[in-house]
Structure formats: C-alpha cells, structure tokens
C-alpha atoms as a PDB file:
ATOM      1  CA  MET A   1      -0.094   0.175   0.060  1.00  0.00           C
ATOM      2  CA  ASN A   2       1.335   3.749  -1.215  1.00  0.00           C
ATOM      3  CA  LYS A   3       1.703   6.128   1.396  1.00  0.00           C
ATOM      4  CA  ASN A   4      -1.104   8.037   0.638  1.00  0.00           C
ATOM      5  CA  ALA A   5      -3.271   5.762   0.718  1.00  0.00           C
ATOM      6  CA  ARG A   6      -1.853   4.422   4.403  1.00  0.00           C
ATOM      7  CA  ASN A   7      -2.353   7.860   5.655  1.00  0.00           C
ATOM      8  CA  LEU A   8      -5.976   7.493   4.868  1.00  0.00           C
ATOM      9  CA  VAL A   9      -6.413   4.655   6.569  1.00  0.00           C
ATOM     10  CA  ILE A  10      -5.147   5.984   9.792  1.00  0.00           C
ATOM     11  CA  ALA A  11      -6.916   8.939   8.954  1.00  0.00           C
ATOM     12  CA  ALA A  12     -10.144   6.961   9.190  1.00  0.00           C
ATOM     13  CA  VAL A  13      -8.507   5.038  12.239  1.00  0.00           C
ATOM     14  CA  VAL A  14      -8.595   8.583  14.002  1.00  0.00           C
ATOM     15  CA  ALA A  15     -11.887  10.004  12.706  1.00  0.00           C
ATOM     16  CA  ALA A  16     -13.727   7.079  13.896  1.00  0.00           C
ATOM     17  CA  THR A  17     -12.155   6.857  17.365  1.00  0.00           C
ATOM     18  CA  LEU A  18     -13.118  10.756  17.623  1.00  0.00           C
ATOM     19  CA  VAL A  19     -16.419   9.473  16.206  1.00  0.00           C
ATOM     20  CA  LEU A  20     -17.576   6.753  19.291  1.00  0.00           C
ATOM     21  CA  ALA A  21     -15.764   9.077  21.630  1.00  0.00           C
ATOM     22  CA  VAL A  22     -18.183  11.761  20.877  1.00  0.00           C
ATOM     23  CA  VAL A  23     -21.071   9.075  21.113  1.00  0.00           C
ATOM     24  CA  VAL A  24     -19.690   8.164  24.899  1.00  0.00           C
ATOM     25  CA  ALA A  25     -19.382  11.906  25.651  1.00  0.00           C
ATOM     26  CA  LEU A  26     -23.193  12.397  24.501  1.00  0.00           C
ATOM     27  CA  LEU A  27     -24.005   8.952  26.420  1.00  0.00           C
ATOM     28  CA  LEU A  28     -22.424  10.055  29.638  1.00  0.00           C
ATOM     29  CA  ASN A  29     -24.479  13.688  29.604  1.00  0.00           C
ATOM     30  CA  ARG A  30     -27.722  12.498  27.934  1.00  0.00           C
ATOM     31  CA  THR A  31     -30.675  12.780  30.631  1.00  0.00           C
ATOM     32  CA  SER A  32     -34.299  12.055  29.287  1.00  0.00           C
ATOM     33  CA  ASP A  33     -35.074  15.280  29.187  1.00  0.00           C
ATOM     34  CA  SER A  34     -32.566  16.890  26.746  1.00  0.00           C
ATOM     35  CA  THR A  35     -33.232  18.009  23.476  1.00  0.00           C
ATOM     36  CA  PRO A  36     -31.103  17.141  20.448  1.00  0.00           C
ATOM     37  CA  SER A  37     -28.591  19.987  19.735  1.00  0.00           C
ATOM     38  CA  ALA A  38     -27.391  20.700  16.116  1.00  0.00           C
ATOM     39  CA  SER A  39     -24.205  18.824  17.189  1.00  0.00           C
ATOM     40  CA  ASP A  40     -26.237  16.028  18.642  1.00  0.00           C
ATOM     41  CA  SER A  41     -28.104  15.728  15.063  1.00  0.00           C
ATOM     42  CA  ALA A  42     -24.253  15.581  13.043  1.00  0.00           C
ATOM     43  CA  THR A  43     -22.921  13.361  15.684  1.00  0.00           C
ATOM     44  CA  ASN A  44     -25.906  10.968  15.045  1.00  0.00           C
ATOM     45  CA  SER A  45     -25.686  10.721  11.353  1.00  0.00           C
ATOM     46  CA  ALA A  46     -22.266  10.202  11.354  1.00  0.00           C
ATOM     47  CA  ALA A  47     -22.149   7.370  13.937  1.00  0.00           C
ATOM     48  CA  ALA A  48     -25.142   5.356  12.429  1.00  0.00           C
ATOM     49  CA  PRO A  49     -24.972   4.060   8.717  1.00  0.00           C
ATOM     50  CA  SER A  50     -27.826   2.786   7.103  1.00  0.00           C
ATOM     51  CA  PRO A  51     -28.858  -0.726   7.336  1.00  0.00           C
ATOM     52  CA  GLU A  52     -27.274  -1.407   3.767  1.00  0.00           C
ATOM     53  CA  ALA A  53     -23.990   0.822   4.874  1.00  0.00           C
ATOM     54  CA  SER A  54     -21.417   0.239   2.341  1.00  0.00           C
ATOM     55  CA  GLY A  55     -17.648   1.178   1.347  1.00  0.00           C
ATOM     56  CA  ASP A  56     -14.563   2.051   3.369  1.00  0.00           C
ATOM     57  CA  PRO A  57     -14.413   4.262   5.948  1.00  0.00           C
ATOM     58  CA  THR A  58     -13.217   7.712   5.070  1.00  0.00           C
ATOM     59  CA  ALA A  59     -11.858  10.749   6.500  1.00  0.00           C
ATOM     60  CA  SER A  60     -10.743  14.294   5.781  1.00  0.00           C
ATOM     61  CA  GLY A  61      -8.191  16.235   7.455  1.00  0.00           C
ATOM     62  CA  THR A  62      -4.173  15.931   8.038  1.00  0.00           C
ATOM     63  CA  PRO A  63      -3.520  12.503   8.661  1.00  0.00           C
ATOM     64  CA  ASN A  64      -2.655  11.466  12.373  1.00  0.00           C
ATOM     65  CA  PRO A  65       0.991   9.374  12.322  1.00  0.00           C
ATOM     66  CA  GLU A  66      -0.645   6.921  15.193  1.00  0.00           C
ATOM     67  CA  PRO A  67      -3.656   7.008  16.589  1.00  0.00           C
ATOM     68  CA  SER A  68      -3.574   8.718  20.504  1.00  0.00           C
ATOM     69  CA  ALA A  69      -4.354   6.806  23.789  1.00  0.00           C
ATOM     70  CA  PRO A  70      -8.131   6.295  24.024  1.00  0.00           C
ATOM     71  CA  SER A  71      -9.455   8.434  26.961  1.00  0.00           C
ATOM     72  CA  GLN A  72     -10.262   7.074  30.016  1.00  0.00           C
ATOM     73  CA  GLN A  73     -13.987   7.356  29.639  1.00  0.00           C
ATOM     74  CA  LEU A  74     -13.850   6.063  26.060  1.00  0.00           C
ATOM     75  CA  LYS A  75     -12.079   2.906  27.525  1.00  0.00           C
ATOM     76  CA  GLU A  76     -14.315   2.466  30.267  1.00  0.00           C
ATOM     77  CA  LEU A  77     -17.172   2.077  28.003  1.00  0.00           C
ATOM     78  CA  VAL A  78     -15.475  -0.071  25.049  1.00  0.00           C
ATOM     79  CA  GLN A  79     -14.220  -2.636  27.172  1.00  0.00           C
ATOM     80  CA  GLY A  80     -17.347  -2.453  29.291  1.00  0.00           C
ATOM     81  CA  LEU A  81     -18.752  -4.029  26.037  1.00  0.00           C
ATOM     82  CA  TRP A  82     -16.479  -6.696  25.418  1.00  0.00           C
ATOM     83  CA  ARG A  83     -17.754 -10.403  26.965  1.00  0.00           C
ATOM     84  CA  LEU A  84     -14.320 -11.960  27.293  1.00  0.00           C
ATOM     85  CA  ASP A  85     -15.673 -15.526  28.657  1.00  0.00           C
ATOM     86  CA  PRO A  86     -13.510 -18.420  27.102  1.00  0.00           C
ATOM     87  CA  ASP A  87     -17.040 -20.334  26.860  1.00  0.00           C
ATOM     88  CA  ASP A  88     -18.512 -17.429  25.151  1.00  0.00           C
ATOM     89  CA  PRO A  89     -20.333 -19.371  21.924  1.00  0.00           C
ATOM     90  CA  MET A  90     -20.727 -16.452  20.323  1.00  0.00           C
ATOM     91  CA  ALA A  91     -16.877 -15.560  19.843  1.00  0.00           C
ATOM     92  CA  VAL A  92     -13.666 -16.618  18.604  1.00  0.00           C
ATOM     93  CA  GLY A  93     -10.215 -16.266  19.872  1.00  0.00           C
ATOM     94  CA  ASP A  94      -8.517 -15.608  23.319  1.00  0.00           C
ATOM     95  CA  VAL A  95     -10.073 -13.361  25.972  1.00  0.00           C
ATOM     96  CA  ASP A  96      -6.184 -12.428  25.908  1.00  0.00           C
ATOM     97  CA  ALA A  97      -6.037 -11.360  22.478  1.00  0.00           C
ATOM     98  CA  ASP A  98      -4.380  -7.993  21.543  1.00  0.00           C
ATOM     99  CA  VAL A  99      -7.361  -6.267  19.926  1.00  0.00           C
ATOM    100  CA  VAL A 100     -11.291  -7.058  20.263  1.00  0.00           C
ATOM    101  CA  VAL A 101     -13.544  -6.712  17.479  1.00  0.00           C
ATOM    102  CA  GLN A 102     -16.834  -6.278  18.136  1.00  0.00           C
ATOM    103  CA  ILE A 103     -19.326  -7.103  15.122  1.00  0.00           C
ATOM    104  CA  TYR A 104     -22.592  -5.944  14.920  1.00  0.00           C
ATOM    105  CA  TYR A 105     -24.701  -7.936  12.615  1.00  0.00           C
ATOM    106  CA  ASP A 106     -28.337  -8.233  10.916  1.00  0.00           C
ATOM    107  CA  PHE A 107     -28.870 -11.852   9.215  1.00  0.00           C
ATOM    108  CA  ARG A 108     -30.754  -9.745   6.108  1.00  0.00           C
ATOM    109  CA  CYS A 109     -28.409  -7.500   5.527  1.00  0.00           C
ATOM    110  CA  GLY A 110     -26.710  -7.688   2.103  1.00  0.00           C
ATOM    111  CA  TYR A 111     -23.207  -6.315   3.026  1.00  0.00           C
ATOM    112  CA  CYS A 112     -23.437  -8.090   6.498  1.00  0.00           C
ATOM    113  CA  ALA A 113     -23.263 -11.412   4.116  1.00  0.00           C
ATOM    114  CA  GLN A 114     -20.453  -9.867   2.287  1.00  0.00           C
ATOM    115  CA  ALA A 115     -18.391  -9.357   5.205  1.00  0.00           C
ATOM    116  CA  ALA A 116     -18.799 -12.422   6.415  1.00  0.00           C
ATOM    117  CA  THR A 117     -17.954 -14.696   3.489  1.00  0.00           C
ATOM    118  CA  GLN A 118     -15.115 -12.093   2.697  1.00  0.00           C
ATOM    119  CA  THR A 119     -13.239 -10.262   5.547  1.00  0.00           C
ATOM    120  CA  GLU A 120     -14.139 -12.395   8.004  1.00  0.00           C
ATOM    121  CA  PRO A 121     -12.418 -15.752   6.846  1.00  0.00           C
ATOM    122  CA  GLN A 122      -9.550 -14.056   5.756  1.00  0.00           C
ATOM    123  CA  MET A 123      -8.998 -12.422   9.549  1.00  0.00           C
ATOM    124  CA  GLN A 124      -8.537 -16.150  10.709  1.00  0.00           C
ATOM    125  CA  HIS A 125      -4.619 -15.984  11.025  1.00  0.00           C
ATOM    126  CA  TYR A 126      -5.209 -13.249  13.842  1.00  0.00           C
ATOM    127  CA  VAL A 127      -7.619 -15.671  15.464  1.00  0.00           C
ATOM    128  CA  ASP A 128      -5.150 -18.053  15.615  1.00  0.00           C
ATOM    129  CA  ASP A 129      -2.021 -16.197  16.381  1.00  0.00           C
ATOM    130  CA  GLY A 130      -3.438 -14.945  19.166  1.00  0.00           C
ATOM    131  CA  THR A 131      -3.893 -11.347  18.062  1.00  0.00           C
ATOM    132  CA  VAL A 132      -7.665 -11.065  17.733  1.00  0.00           C
ATOM    133  CA  ARG A 133     -10.758 -12.043  19.553  1.00  0.00           C
ATOM    134  CA  ILE A 134     -14.256 -11.528  17.616  1.00  0.00           C
ATOM    135  CA  GLU A 135     -17.658 -11.044  19.316  1.00  0.00           C
ATOM    136  CA  TYR A 136     -20.984 -11.439  17.302  1.00  0.00           C
ATOM    137  CA  HIS A 137     -23.640  -9.122  18.300  1.00  0.00           C
ATOM    138  CA  ASN A 138     -27.015  -9.788  17.033  1.00  0.00           C
ATOM    139  CA  LEU A 139     -28.840  -6.190  15.346  1.00  0.00           C
ATOM    140  CA  ALA A 140     -31.791  -7.073  14.055  1.00  0.00           C
ATOM    141  CA  ILE A 141     -32.966  -4.087  12.789  1.00  0.00           C
ATOM    142  CA  LEU A 142     -34.747  -5.444   8.860  1.00  0.00           C
ATOM    143  CA  GLY A 143     -37.791  -6.475  10.316  1.00  0.00           C
ATOM    144  CA  ASP A 144     -39.585  -9.604  11.564  1.00  0.00           C
ATOM    145  CA  GLU A 145     -37.710 -11.815   9.768  1.00  0.00           C
ATOM    146  CA  SER A 146     -34.250 -10.711  11.052  1.00  0.00           C
ATOM    147  CA  VAL A 147     -35.736 -10.868  14.497  1.00  0.00           C
ATOM    148  CA  LEU A 148     -36.310 -14.985  13.922  1.00  0.00           C
ATOM    149  CA  LEU A 149     -32.953 -15.470  12.328  1.00  0.00           C
ATOM    150  CA  ALA A 150     -31.429 -13.583  15.465  1.00  0.00           C
ATOM    151  CA  GLN A 151     -33.376 -15.754  17.568  1.00  0.00           C
ATOM    152  CA  GLY A 152     -32.409 -18.954  15.821  1.00  0.00           C
ATOM    153  CA  SER A 153     -28.632 -17.950  16.172  1.00  0.00           C
ATOM    154  CA  VAL A 154     -29.172 -17.444  20.065  1.00  0.00           C
ATOM    155  CA  SER A 155     -30.704 -21.032  20.160  1.00  0.00           C
ATOM    156  CA  ALA A 156     -27.873 -22.381  17.943  1.00  0.00           C
ATOM    157  CA  ALA A 157     -25.037 -20.585  20.320  1.00  0.00           C
ATOM    158  CA  ASN A 158     -27.224 -22.351  23.102  1.00  0.00           C
ATOM    159  CA  GLN A 159     -25.730 -26.173  21.795  1.00  0.00           C
ATOM    160  CA  GLY A 160     -22.599 -24.269  20.366  1.00  0.00           C
ATOM    161  CA  LYS A 161     -23.532 -24.298  17.022  1.00  0.00           C
ATOM    162  CA  PHE A 162     -23.995 -20.433  16.600  1.00  0.00           C
ATOM    163  CA  LEU A 163     -20.778 -20.217  13.999  1.00  0.00           C
ATOM    164  CA  GLU A 164     -22.170 -22.665  11.766  1.00  0.00           C
ATOM    165  CA  TYR A 165     -25.353 -21.220  11.644  1.00  0.00           C
ATOM    166  CA  HIS A 166     -23.417 -17.846  10.745  1.00  0.00           C
ATOM    167  CA  SER A 167     -21.746 -19.305   8.194  1.00  0.00           C
ATOM    168  CA  TYR A 168     -24.839 -21.111   7.068  1.00  0.00           C
ATOM    169  CA  ILE A 169     -26.977 -18.248   6.853  1.00  0.00           C
ATOM    170  CA  TYR A 170     -24.587 -15.887   5.177  1.00  0.00           C
ATOM    171  CA  ASP A 171     -23.460 -18.808   2.851  1.00  0.00           C
ATOM    172  CA  HIS A 172     -27.013 -18.966   1.209  1.00  0.00           C
ATOM    173  CA  GLN A 173     -27.601 -15.550   1.155  1.00  0.00           C
ATOM    174  CA  VAL A 174     -24.501 -15.016  -0.752  1.00  0.00           C
ATOM    175  CA  ALA A 175     -25.418 -17.865  -3.341  1.00  0.00           C
ATOM    176  CA  GLY A 176     -29.006 -16.412  -4.151  1.00  0.00           C
ATOM    177  CA  SER A 177     -30.655 -18.995  -1.967  1.00  0.00           C
ATOM    178  CA  PRO A 178     -31.344 -17.374   1.394  1.00  0.00           C
ATOM    179  CA  VAL A 179     -32.857 -19.161   4.353  1.00  0.00           C
ATOM    180  CA  GLU A 180     -36.446 -18.776   4.302  1.00  0.00           C
ATOM    181  CA  ALA A 181     -37.123 -16.929   8.334  1.00  0.00           C
ATOM    182  CA  THR A 182     -39.273 -19.582   9.417  1.00  0.00           C
ATOM    183  CA  GLU A 183     -39.394 -21.630  12.548  1.00  0.00           C
ATOM    184  CA  ASP A 184     -39.580 -24.796  10.311  1.00  0.00           C
ATOM    185  CA  ALA A 185     -36.650 -23.752   8.072  1.00  0.00           C
ATOM    186  CA  LEU A 186     -34.583 -22.826  10.852  1.00  0.00           C
ATOM    187  CA  VAL A 187     -34.976 -26.097  12.810  1.00  0.00           C
ATOM    188  CA  ALA A 188     -34.003 -27.764   9.386  1.00  0.00           C
ATOM    189  CA  VAL A 189     -30.756 -25.501   9.287  1.00  0.00           C
ATOM    190  CA  ALA A 190     -29.997 -26.500  12.720  1.00  0.00           C
ATOM    191  CA  LYS A 191     -30.365 -30.204  11.394  1.00  0.00           C
ATOM    192  CA  GLU A 192     -27.872 -29.320   8.637  1.00  0.00           C
ATOM    193  CA  ILE A 193     -25.500 -27.795  10.930  1.00  0.00           C
ATOM    194  CA  GLY A 194     -25.310 -30.643  13.427  1.00  0.00           C
ATOM    195  CA  VAL A 195     -27.496 -29.400  16.100  1.00  0.00           C
ATOM    196  CA  ALA A 196     -27.693 -32.290  18.625  1.00  0.00           C
ATOM    197  CA  ASP A 197     -31.414 -31.770  20.383  1.00  0.00           C
ATOM    198  CA  LEU A 198     -33.943 -30.303  17.595  1.00  0.00           C
ATOM    199  CA  ASP A 199     -36.890 -30.088  19.865  1.00  0.00           C
ATOM    200  CA  GLN A 200     -34.766 -27.789  22.097  1.00  0.00           C
ATOM    201  CA  PHE A 201     -33.520 -25.528  19.531  1.00  0.00           C
ATOM    202  CA  ARG A 202     -37.219 -24.935  18.229  1.00  0.00           C
ATOM    203  CA  THR A 203     -38.195 -24.327  22.040  1.00  0.00           C
ATOM    204  CA  ASP A 204     -35.244 -22.052  22.653  1.00  0.00           C
ATOM    205  CA  MET A 205     -35.694 -20.375  19.388  1.00  0.00           C
ATOM    206  CA  THR A 206     -38.807 -18.590  20.438  1.00  0.00           C
ATOM    207  CA  SER A 207     -38.296 -18.744  24.069  1.00  0.00           C
ATOM    208  CA  GLU A 208     -38.487 -15.505  26.485  1.00  0.00           C
ATOM    209  CA  ALA A 209     -34.661 -15.514  26.916  1.00  0.00           C
ATOM    210  CA  ALA A 210     -33.982 -15.254  23.252  1.00  0.00           C
ATOM    211  CA  VAL A 211     -36.784 -12.961  22.386  1.00  0.00           C
ATOM    212  CA  ALA A 212     -34.888 -10.757  25.090  1.00  0.00           C
ATOM    213  CA  ALA A 213     -31.436 -11.220  24.246  1.00  0.00           C
ATOM    214  CA  VAL A 214     -32.131 -10.022  20.740  1.00  0.00           C
ATOM    215  CA  ALA A 215     -34.244  -6.983  21.846  1.00  0.00           C
ATOM    216  CA  ASP A 216     -31.338  -6.295  24.535  1.00  0.00           C
ATOM    217  CA  GLY A 217     -28.379  -6.661  22.081  1.00  0.00           C
ATOM    218  CA  ARG A 218     -30.346  -3.835  19.826  1.00  0.00           C
ATOM    219  CA  THR A 219     -30.877  -1.857  22.622  1.00  0.00           C
ATOM    220  CA  THR A 220     -27.536  -1.455  23.369  1.00  0.00           C
ATOM    221  CA  ALA A 221     -25.912  -1.010  19.990  1.00  0.00           C
ATOM    222  CA  GLN A 222     -28.417   1.685  19.224  1.00  0.00           C
ATOM    223  CA  ASN A 223     -27.660   3.316  22.674  1.00  0.00           C
ATOM    224  CA  LEU A 224     -24.278   3.683  20.896  1.00  0.00           C
ATOM    225  CA  GLY A 225     -25.263   5.541  18.482  1.00  0.00           C
ATOM    226  CA  ILE A 226     -25.315   2.142  16.262  1.00  0.00           C
ATOM    227  CA  THR A 227     -28.508   2.018  13.934  1.00  0.00           C
ATOM    228  CA  GLY A 228     -27.276   0.183  10.636  1.00  0.00           C
ATOM    229  CA  THR A 229     -25.361  -3.200  10.021  1.00  0.00           C
ATOM    230  CA  PRO A 230     -22.220  -3.930   9.492  1.00  0.00           C
ATOM    231  CA  ALA A 231     -20.558  -1.855  12.033  1.00  0.00           C
ATOM    232  CA  PHE A 232     -17.276  -2.886  13.884  1.00  0.00           C
ATOM    233  CA  ILE A 233     -16.011  -1.636  16.798  1.00  0.00           C
ATOM    234  CA  VAL A 234     -11.962  -2.305  16.409  1.00  0.00           C
ATOM    235  CA  GLY A 235     -10.071  -2.048  19.502  1.00  0.00           C
ATOM    236  CA  TYR A 236     -11.415   1.899  19.521  1.00  0.00           C
ATOM    237  CA  SER A 237     -12.139   2.436  16.701  1.00  0.00           C
ATOM    238  CA  TYR A 238     -16.111   2.625  14.976  1.00  0.00           C
ATOM    239  CA  LEU A 239     -16.228   1.133  11.486  1.00  0.00           C
ATOM    240  CA  PRO A 240     -19.654   1.143   9.826  1.00  0.00           C
ATOM    241  CA  GLY A 241     -20.871  -0.549   7.007  1.00  0.00           C
ATOM    242  CA  PHE A 242     -18.771  -2.994   4.950  1.00  0.00           C
ATOM    243  CA  VAL A 243     -14.639  -3.184   6.251  1.00  0.00           C
ATOM    244  CA  PRO A 244     -12.844  -4.921   2.957  1.00  0.00           C
ATOM    245  CA  ILE A 245      -9.641  -7.095   4.389  1.00  0.00           C
ATOM    246  CA  GLU A 246      -7.446  -4.151   3.355  1.00  0.00           C
ATOM    247  CA  THR A 247      -8.588  -1.400   5.571  1.00  0.00           C
ATOM    248  CA  MET A 248      -9.338  -4.007   8.246  1.00  0.00           C
ATOM    249  CA  ASP A 249      -5.516  -5.340   8.147  1.00  0.00           C
ATOM    250  CA  GLN A 250      -4.422  -1.325   9.089  1.00  0.00           C
ATOM    251  CA  VAL A 251      -6.811  -0.581  11.031  1.00  0.00           C
ATOM    252  CA  ILE A 252      -5.754  -3.586  13.447  1.00  0.00           C
ATOM    253  CA  ALA A 253      -2.336  -2.381  12.747  1.00  0.00           C
ATOM    254  CA  ALA A 254      -2.772   0.712  14.051  1.00  0.00           C
ATOM    255  CA  GLU A 255      -4.677  -0.207  17.318  1.00  0.00           C
ATOM    256  CA  LEU A 256      -1.662  -2.388  17.893  1.00  0.00           C
ATOM    257  CA  ALA A 257       0.214   0.350  17.325  1.00  0.00           C
ATOM    258  CA  ARG A 258      -1.770   2.581  19.728  1.00  0.00           C
ATOM    259  CA  PRO A 259      -0.615   3.554  22.957  1.00  0.00           C
ATOM    260  CA  ALA A 260      -2.685   2.720  26.118  1.00  0.00           C
ATOM    261  CA  ALA A 261      -4.573   5.213  28.096  1.00  0.00           C
END
C-alpha cells in the first residue's frame, strides 16, 4: 500500500475513534429531558450507518502518524462491551488477545453477508495467532424476519453451533438461496449444521430468553449510536459499513500501535 493510502486509513481510524468518543460523551451527558442540539444531530448522522451501509471508512483532514491513547471514558465504555468469556459461544479467539473486534450483524443484511463471507475468513490468521478476538452481536433491525433469524442464532449458540449457523445463513444468502425465516426452515438449518437436540432448538428459538437477548442487543447497540449494519468496533475504532480486508488489516495494525490510556 502506498503512503497516501496508508495515511488515509490512519486518518480514518482517528476519525472513527473520534466519532465513537463523541457518542460516548453524548451517552455520559444525556438526560431523559434533554433536547437534541444541532451538534447531537450531526453526531448521530455520522455514527449511525444505514441498514445496508457499504464502503470503506473515510475521513478528511491531516493524517495523524498514529492513533492517540483512548480517553479513560472511552476505554471504560468500550471495554465494558467486551464479554471476554472463554466459553462464549458467540465469540472466537483468546480472551487475552491484543485487539477485540466487535461485529454487529443483521442476518438479512446483504453487506453483512459480504463481510461474513469475504472479510471474516481472511481475519482467521489473526484469531489463530492470538492477535484478535471476535465477539458477535445481533443487531436485528430489518424486520420480523431478521428478529427470528437472530433468535435462531441464539438458539444455535445454546448448543455450541452459533458459528456454523452464522456461516450457513450468510453462505446461502451470498449464493442467492437465502434461508426462509420460518421456524420450520430454521430447524432444518439446525439439523444441517449438526445441532444435537432439534426439539430444544425449536423451543429455545422462540423462548423469552431468546427474545430478550435479541431485543437487549438491539437496545445496547442503538444506545451507542449504532443503528445500521454491519458495524465494527475494532479495538477503540468504530467502522460503519462493509470493511474490506485491506482496510481491516490497516485498522488492526493501527490499534496494535495505539498507546495505552
């Protein structure tokens, strides 16, 4: 990558971090009686990609040679989102990895399917060598079908098959044969991916726990200003939309070089 392209990516990391930092500031200072100001609206516009947002993160301005240390508030908020559970069925990678990547997906989102089938597989070497941990978050915002597909992922996770479910749904979407969002169709998916107890899968899929998990995930994301998919928080950098591996590589490298708070 040439110097200009590298500087653009670094500038994007800095700008994305600033966006998330402003969202954090808004969250910390928001009250139920507050009236959105012009600056609030501008921030929300920058922080909330459309449901099918696409493209590399971009930024203008003078490139910074390296990202700055995260503020204490930003550090506490982002780290508070990390689950870091070694038995988490919706995560891959070491809990002490250098960079935690949080991915917010909707199972009906076309650009999410691109990220899942293009970018994610090319990140595997980071997971294998302990550099990156990936934690998945449901952000079901494209209607009732998205919600049921997300609940199906929770049910699959209960039996240790989230990653297989995730791959199956997106592989079929990219192939032009999307999975029908019905209970029977998702039970058939569960059978295909090797879920052991199909009756339990069906029960779990529409359980209060699964419904609450999906609703809570959506609320948490939207409280952060994330209202579109896919969305990535890579270390302390917020990247809305589809992120190709070339950009992801540069952002991970920048996060590895980021000084501690």
